[in-house]
Amino acid sequence: MTRILEAVRARPLISSATGCRPRLTAVSAARILARRVPPKPPSNRRPKHDLDWPALLSAISERLFDDTDEAEREATWLAAAKGDPEREETEAHTRTASRWLGFAGAGEEDIAARERELGVRFPEDYRAFLRASNGFLRMAGFPHGMCSLLPVQRVGWFRDLDRAGRIEAYRDDFADADPDELPEEWNIDIEALERTLLIGESDGNECILLLPPGPDHDWELWTYDPEAGFGDAASFLAFMARGLDRE
């Protein structure tokens, strides 16, 4: 994680007009990620959003294509096509040729408009991601199970979008349980869960959530799996960087 934070510097973002990604091979992406840039005084901490997100996402896409075969990718194209066979074929052809799982970036005005509607400002690393790619297709269990990352226009409060009833199911199962007796992966604050933003979801019950800052914490990223419970990451960037740490 420290390697990612220290190595990836800001470069031109993907064009929101064309959706084209930089011409980047796995080797050149690795070089970008490995290159160390001296910190600027007076601080030696680099902001999370001051990163080359197109390069990072391209490197993740390349890694996922390297880790899968054509049969394993079929579920990705099926999900992207939303049941349209013709579109599924197009997705498979164009994305296999480009080895790219992202989309055209969202404009700053689109991000700001959604923030106004929700009454919140997204964390800077997530905003930078959206400017580079307005969503991201899942493949081989990344970013979380069968979840893809949603475009900003579909991001919203989990309590309003939870059509699967996951909040109520958790309340029914664990509201009266002693927190000290719950396994760590199921021990979360139900009120905090109701305050999360839904930023990624599958056709099933898995989802990716952002919890806004509170008096004693910064933004938090949560994942949910109905079989495995809840997980977390130190930041949205840390969550995405897992795509390069796959065994």
Protein backbone atom coordinates (compact mmCIF):
# COMPACT_ATOMS: atom_id res chain seq x y z
CA MET A 1 0.00 0.00 0.00
CA THR A 2 2.84 2.39 0.89
CA ARG A 3 4.39 1.60 -2.50
CA ILE A 4 1.20 2.71 -4.26
CA LEU A 5 0.86 5.90 -2.21
CA GLU A 6 4.47 6.85 -2.79
CA ALA A 7 4.81 5.88 -6.42
CA VAL A 8 1.79 6.90 -8.48
CA ARG A 9 1.79 10.58 -9.34
CA ALA A 10 -0.86 12.61 -11.14
CA ARG A 11 -0.96 12.30 -14.93
CA PRO A 12 -3.60 13.35 -17.48
CA LEU A 13 -6.90 11.63 -16.75
CA ILE A 14 -8.95 9.52 -19.16
CA SER A 15 -10.93 11.75 -21.46
CA SER A 16 -14.52 12.02 -20.27
CA ALA A 17 -15.49 12.64 -23.88
CA THR A 18 -13.90 9.57 -25.44
CA GLY A 19 -13.43 7.17 -22.55
CA CYS A 20 -10.01 6.24 -23.94
CA ARG A 21 -7.43 5.04 -21.48
CA PRO A 22 -3.71 5.74 -21.76
CA ARG A 23 -1.73 3.36 -23.95
CA LEU A 24 -0.18 1.43 -21.12
CA THR A 25 1.33 -2.03 -21.08
CA ALA A 26 1.66 -4.08 -17.92
CA VAL A 27 5.40 -3.37 -17.97
CA SER A 28 5.03 0.39 -18.32
CA ALA A 29 2.33 0.42 -15.64
CA ALA A 30 4.65 -1.42 -13.29
CA ARG A 31 7.37 1.13 -13.98
CA ILE A 32 4.99 3.98 -13.21
CA LEU A 33 3.93 2.33 -9.97
CA ALA A 34 7.53 1.59 -9.00
CA ARG A 35 8.92 5.05 -9.71
CA ARG A 36 9.66 7.04 -6.56
CA VAL A 37 9.13 10.80 -6.69
CA PRO A 38 10.80 12.95 -3.99
CA PRO A 39 8.22 14.50 -1.64
CA LYS A 40 7.55 18.20 -1.84
CA PRO A 41 8.38 20.21 1.28
CA PRO A 42 7.13 20.97 3.84
CA SER A 43 5.10 17.73 3.95
CA ASN A 44 6.32 14.32 2.86
CA ARG A 45 2.80 12.90 2.79
CA ARG A 46 1.18 12.70 -0.62
CA PRO A 47 -2.60 13.29 -0.78
CA LYS A 48 -4.56 10.22 -1.74
CA HIS A 49 -6.07 11.98 -4.74
CA ASP A 50 -2.67 13.11 -6.07
CA LEU A 51 -2.20 9.85 -7.96
CA ASP A 52 -2.16 8.57 -11.50
CA TRP A 53 -5.53 6.84 -11.32
CA PRO A 54 -5.67 5.98 -15.05
CA ALA A 55 -2.32 4.19 -14.71
CA LEU A 56 -3.44 2.40 -11.53
CA LEU A 57 -6.74 1.27 -13.05
CA SER A 58 -5.02 0.20 -16.27
CA ALA A 59 -2.53 -1.87 -14.28
CA ILE A 60 -5.38 -3.48 -12.31
CA SER A 61 -7.25 -4.26 -15.53
CA GLU A 62 -4.14 -5.83 -17.06
CA ARG A 63 -3.61 -7.93 -13.92
CA LEU A 64 -7.19 -9.20 -13.93
CA PHE A 65 -7.01 -10.15 -17.62
CA ASP A 66 -3.74 -11.95 -16.93
CA ASP A 67 -5.36 -13.88 -14.07
CA THR A 68 -8.39 -15.11 -16.03
CA ASP A 69 -9.23 -17.05 -19.17
CA GLU A 70 -12.02 -16.49 -21.68
CA ALA A 71 -14.45 -18.76 -19.85
CA GLU A 72 -13.94 -16.94 -16.54
CA ARG A 73 -14.55 -13.57 -18.20
CA GLU A 74 -17.95 -14.54 -19.60
CA ALA A 75 -19.71 -13.64 -16.34
CA THR A 76 -18.21 -10.15 -16.54
CA TRP A 77 -19.49 -9.56 -20.07
CA LEU A 78 -22.90 -10.97 -19.14
CA ALA A 79 -23.20 -8.61 -16.19
CA ALA A 80 -22.04 -5.64 -18.28
CA ALA A 81 -24.55 -6.43 -21.04
CA LYS A 82 -27.48 -6.75 -18.62
CA GLY A 83 -28.97 -9.67 -20.54
CA ASP A 84 -28.48 -8.27 -24.05
CA PRO A 85 -26.69 -10.99 -26.11
CA GLU A 86 -25.57 -8.58 -28.83
CA ARG A 87 -24.14 -6.17 -26.29
CA GLU A 88 -22.48 -9.06 -24.46
CA GLU A 89 -20.59 -9.96 -27.63
CA THR A 90 -19.58 -6.34 -28.12
CA GLU A 91 -18.39 -6.01 -24.54
CA ALA A 92 -16.33 -9.19 -24.84
CA HIS A 93 -14.72 -8.08 -28.11
CA THR A 94 -13.94 -4.45 -27.27
CA ARG A 95 -12.81 -5.02 -23.71
CA THR A 96 -10.68 -8.02 -24.54
CA ALA A 97 -8.98 -5.98 -27.24
CA SER A 98 -8.39 -3.01 -24.93
CA ARG A 99 -7.86 -5.03 -21.72
CA TRP A 100 -9.75 -2.27 -19.91
CA LEU A 101 -12.51 -2.71 -17.30
CA GLY A 102 -13.24 0.95 -16.68
CA PHE A 103 -15.39 3.57 -18.35
CA ALA A 104 -15.15 7.17 -19.49
CA GLY A 105 -14.49 9.43 -16.52
CA ALA A 106 -17.23 11.46 -14.87
CA GLY A 107 -17.07 15.22 -15.24
CA GLU A 108 -16.49 17.36 -12.17
CA GLU A 109 -19.95 18.84 -12.68
CA ASP A 110 -21.55 15.38 -12.59
CA ILE A 111 -19.70 14.47 -9.38
CA ALA A 112 -20.57 17.80 -7.73
CA ALA A 113 -24.21 17.51 -8.78
CA ARG A 114 -24.56 14.09 -7.15
CA GLU A 115 -22.81 15.36 -4.03
CA ARG A 116 -25.31 18.21 -3.78
CA GLU A 117 -28.21 15.80 -4.17
CA LEU A 118 -26.85 13.59 -1.40
CA GLY A 119 -25.67 16.44 0.82
CA VAL A 120 -22.12 15.10 1.15
CA ARG A 121 -18.69 15.54 -0.42
CA PHE A 122 -17.08 12.26 -1.42
CA PRO A 123 -13.56 11.42 -0.22
CA GLU A 124 -10.89 12.83 -2.50
CA ASP A 125 -9.48 9.46 -3.59
CA TYR A 126 -12.95 8.31 -4.63
CA ARG A 127 -13.60 11.58 -6.49
CA ALA A 128 -10.30 11.17 -8.35
CA PHE A 129 -11.28 7.60 -9.25
CA LEU A 130 -14.61 8.79 -10.68
CA ARG A 131 -12.87 11.42 -12.80
CA ALA A 132 -10.66 8.67 -14.21
CA SER A 133 -13.39 6.04 -14.63
CA ASN A 134 -17.08 6.44 -13.85
CA GLY A 135 -17.48 2.89 -12.52
CA PHE A 136 -15.46 -0.30 -12.90
CA LEU A 137 -16.47 -3.79 -14.01
CA ARG A 138 -15.80 -6.71 -11.73
CA MET A 139 -13.67 -9.67 -12.76
CA ALA A 140 -12.25 -12.67 -10.87
CA GLY A 141 -13.67 -11.56 -7.53
CA PHE A 142 -12.36 -7.99 -7.79
CA PRO A 143 -13.21 -5.44 -6.52
CA HIS A 144 -15.50 -7.50 -4.22
CA GLY A 145 -17.06 -10.81 -5.19
CA MET A 146 -19.58 -10.23 -7.96
CA CYS A 147 -19.73 -6.46 -7.34
CA SER A 148 -18.96 -3.82 -9.93
CA LEU A 149 -18.39 -0.20 -8.92
CA LEU A 150 -21.37 1.98 -9.83
CA PRO A 151 -21.32 5.14 -11.94
CA VAL A 152 -21.69 8.26 -9.80
CA GLN A 153 -25.24 8.81 -11.04
CA ARG A 154 -26.30 5.57 -9.29
CA VAL A 155 -24.46 6.14 -6.02
CA GLY A 156 -26.85 6.77 -3.13
CA TRP A 157 -27.68 6.17 0.51
CA PHE A 158 -27.73 2.46 1.25
CA ARG A 159 -30.90 2.83 3.32
CA ASP A 160 -32.72 4.17 0.24
CA LEU A 161 -31.33 1.64 -2.25
CA ASP A 162 -31.38 -1.52 -0.14
CA ARG A 163 -34.08 -3.34 -2.09
CA ALA A 164 -32.68 -6.68 -0.93
CA GLY A 165 -33.49 -5.83 2.69
CA ARG A 166 -29.96 -6.31 4.00
CA ILE A 167 -30.25 -3.67 6.71
CA GLU A 168 -33.45 -5.15 8.10
CA ALA A 169 -32.03 -8.66 7.88
CA TYR A 170 -29.02 -7.59 9.92
CA ARG A 171 -31.27 -5.85 12.43
CA ASP A 172 -33.46 -8.94 12.78
CA ASP A 173 -30.49 -11.27 13.22
CA PHE A 174 -28.13 -9.21 15.39
CA ALA A 175 -29.83 -6.16 16.92
CA ASP A 176 -30.30 -7.88 20.28
CA ALA A 177 -27.00 -9.75 20.26
CA ASP A 178 -24.22 -8.99 22.74
CA PRO A 179 -21.50 -7.21 20.68
CA ASP A 180 -18.81 -8.94 22.74
CA GLU A 181 -20.11 -12.32 21.59
CA LEU A 182 -20.40 -11.49 17.88
CA PRO A 183 -17.66 -12.56 15.46
CA GLU A 184 -15.65 -9.56 14.26
CA GLU A 185 -17.00 -9.84 10.70
CA TRP A 186 -20.58 -9.41 11.97
CA ASN A 187 -19.95 -6.87 14.71
CA ILE A 188 -20.92 -3.52 13.18
CA ASP A 189 -23.01 -0.55 14.29
CA ILE A 190 -26.47 -0.79 12.68
CA GLU A 191 -26.87 3.00 12.84
CA ALA A 192 -23.57 3.41 11.01
CA LEU A 193 -24.73 0.91 8.39
CA GLU A 194 -27.81 3.05 7.77
CA ARG A 195 -25.53 6.07 7.14
CA THR A 196 -23.42 4.41 4.44
CA LEU A 197 -23.34 5.21 0.74
CA LEU A 198 -23.79 2.37 -1.75
CA ILE A 199 -21.00 2.62 -4.36
CA GLY A 200 -20.85 -0.97 -5.62
CA GLU A 201 -23.27 -3.87 -5.89
CA SER A 202 -23.84 -7.26 -7.49
CA ASP A 203 -27.06 -8.85 -8.72
CA GLY A 204 -27.14 -10.67 -5.40
CA ASN A 205 -26.59 -9.31 -1.90
CA GLU A 206 -22.91 -8.33 -1.98
CA CYS A 207 -22.14 -4.63 -1.85
CA ILE A 208 -19.45 -1.98 -1.37
CA LEU A 209 -20.16 0.91 0.99
CA LEU A 210 -18.62 4.21 2.09
CA LEU A 211 -19.27 5.45 5.63
CA PRO A 212 -19.01 9.26 5.93
CA PRO A 213 -16.73 10.77 8.59
CA GLY A 214 -17.85 10.95 12.20
CA PRO A 215 -16.51 12.62 15.36
CA ASP A 216 -13.89 9.91 15.85
CA HIS A 217 -13.22 8.59 12.34
CA ASP A 218 -12.51 9.60 8.74
CA TRP A 219 -14.21 8.07 5.71
CA GLU A 220 -14.38 4.28 5.97
CA LEU A 221 -14.88 1.69 3.24
CA TRP A 222 -16.95 -1.39 4.07
CA THR A 223 -17.75 -4.51 2.07
CA TYR A 224 -20.62 -6.88 2.72
CA ASP A 225 -21.13 -10.52 1.81
CA PRO A 226 -24.22 -12.38 3.09
CA GLU A 227 -22.11 -15.47 3.73
CA ALA A 228 -18.91 -13.91 5.05
CA GLY A 229 -20.11 -10.73 6.78
CA PHE A 230 -18.45 -7.33 6.67
CA GLY A 231 -14.92 -6.33 5.71
CA ASP A 232 -13.17 -2.99 5.54
CA ALA A 233 -10.25 -1.09 4.05
CA ALA A 234 -8.27 1.90 5.27
CA SER A 235 -9.44 3.99 2.30
CA PHE A 236 -10.94 3.67 -1.16
CA LEU A 237 -7.44 3.75 -2.61
CA ALA A 238 -6.28 0.96 -0.29
CA PHE A 239 -9.32 -1.06 -1.34
CA MET A 240 -8.57 -0.64 -5.06
CA ALA A 241 -4.85 -1.28 -4.64
CA ARG A 242 -5.71 -4.84 -3.64
CA GLY A 243 -6.14 -5.46 -7.34
CA LEU A 244 -2.35 -5.35 -7.70
CA ASP A 245 -1.70 -7.51 -4.63
CA ARG A 246 -3.42 -10.62 -5.90
CA GLU A 247 -1.57 -13.89 -5.47
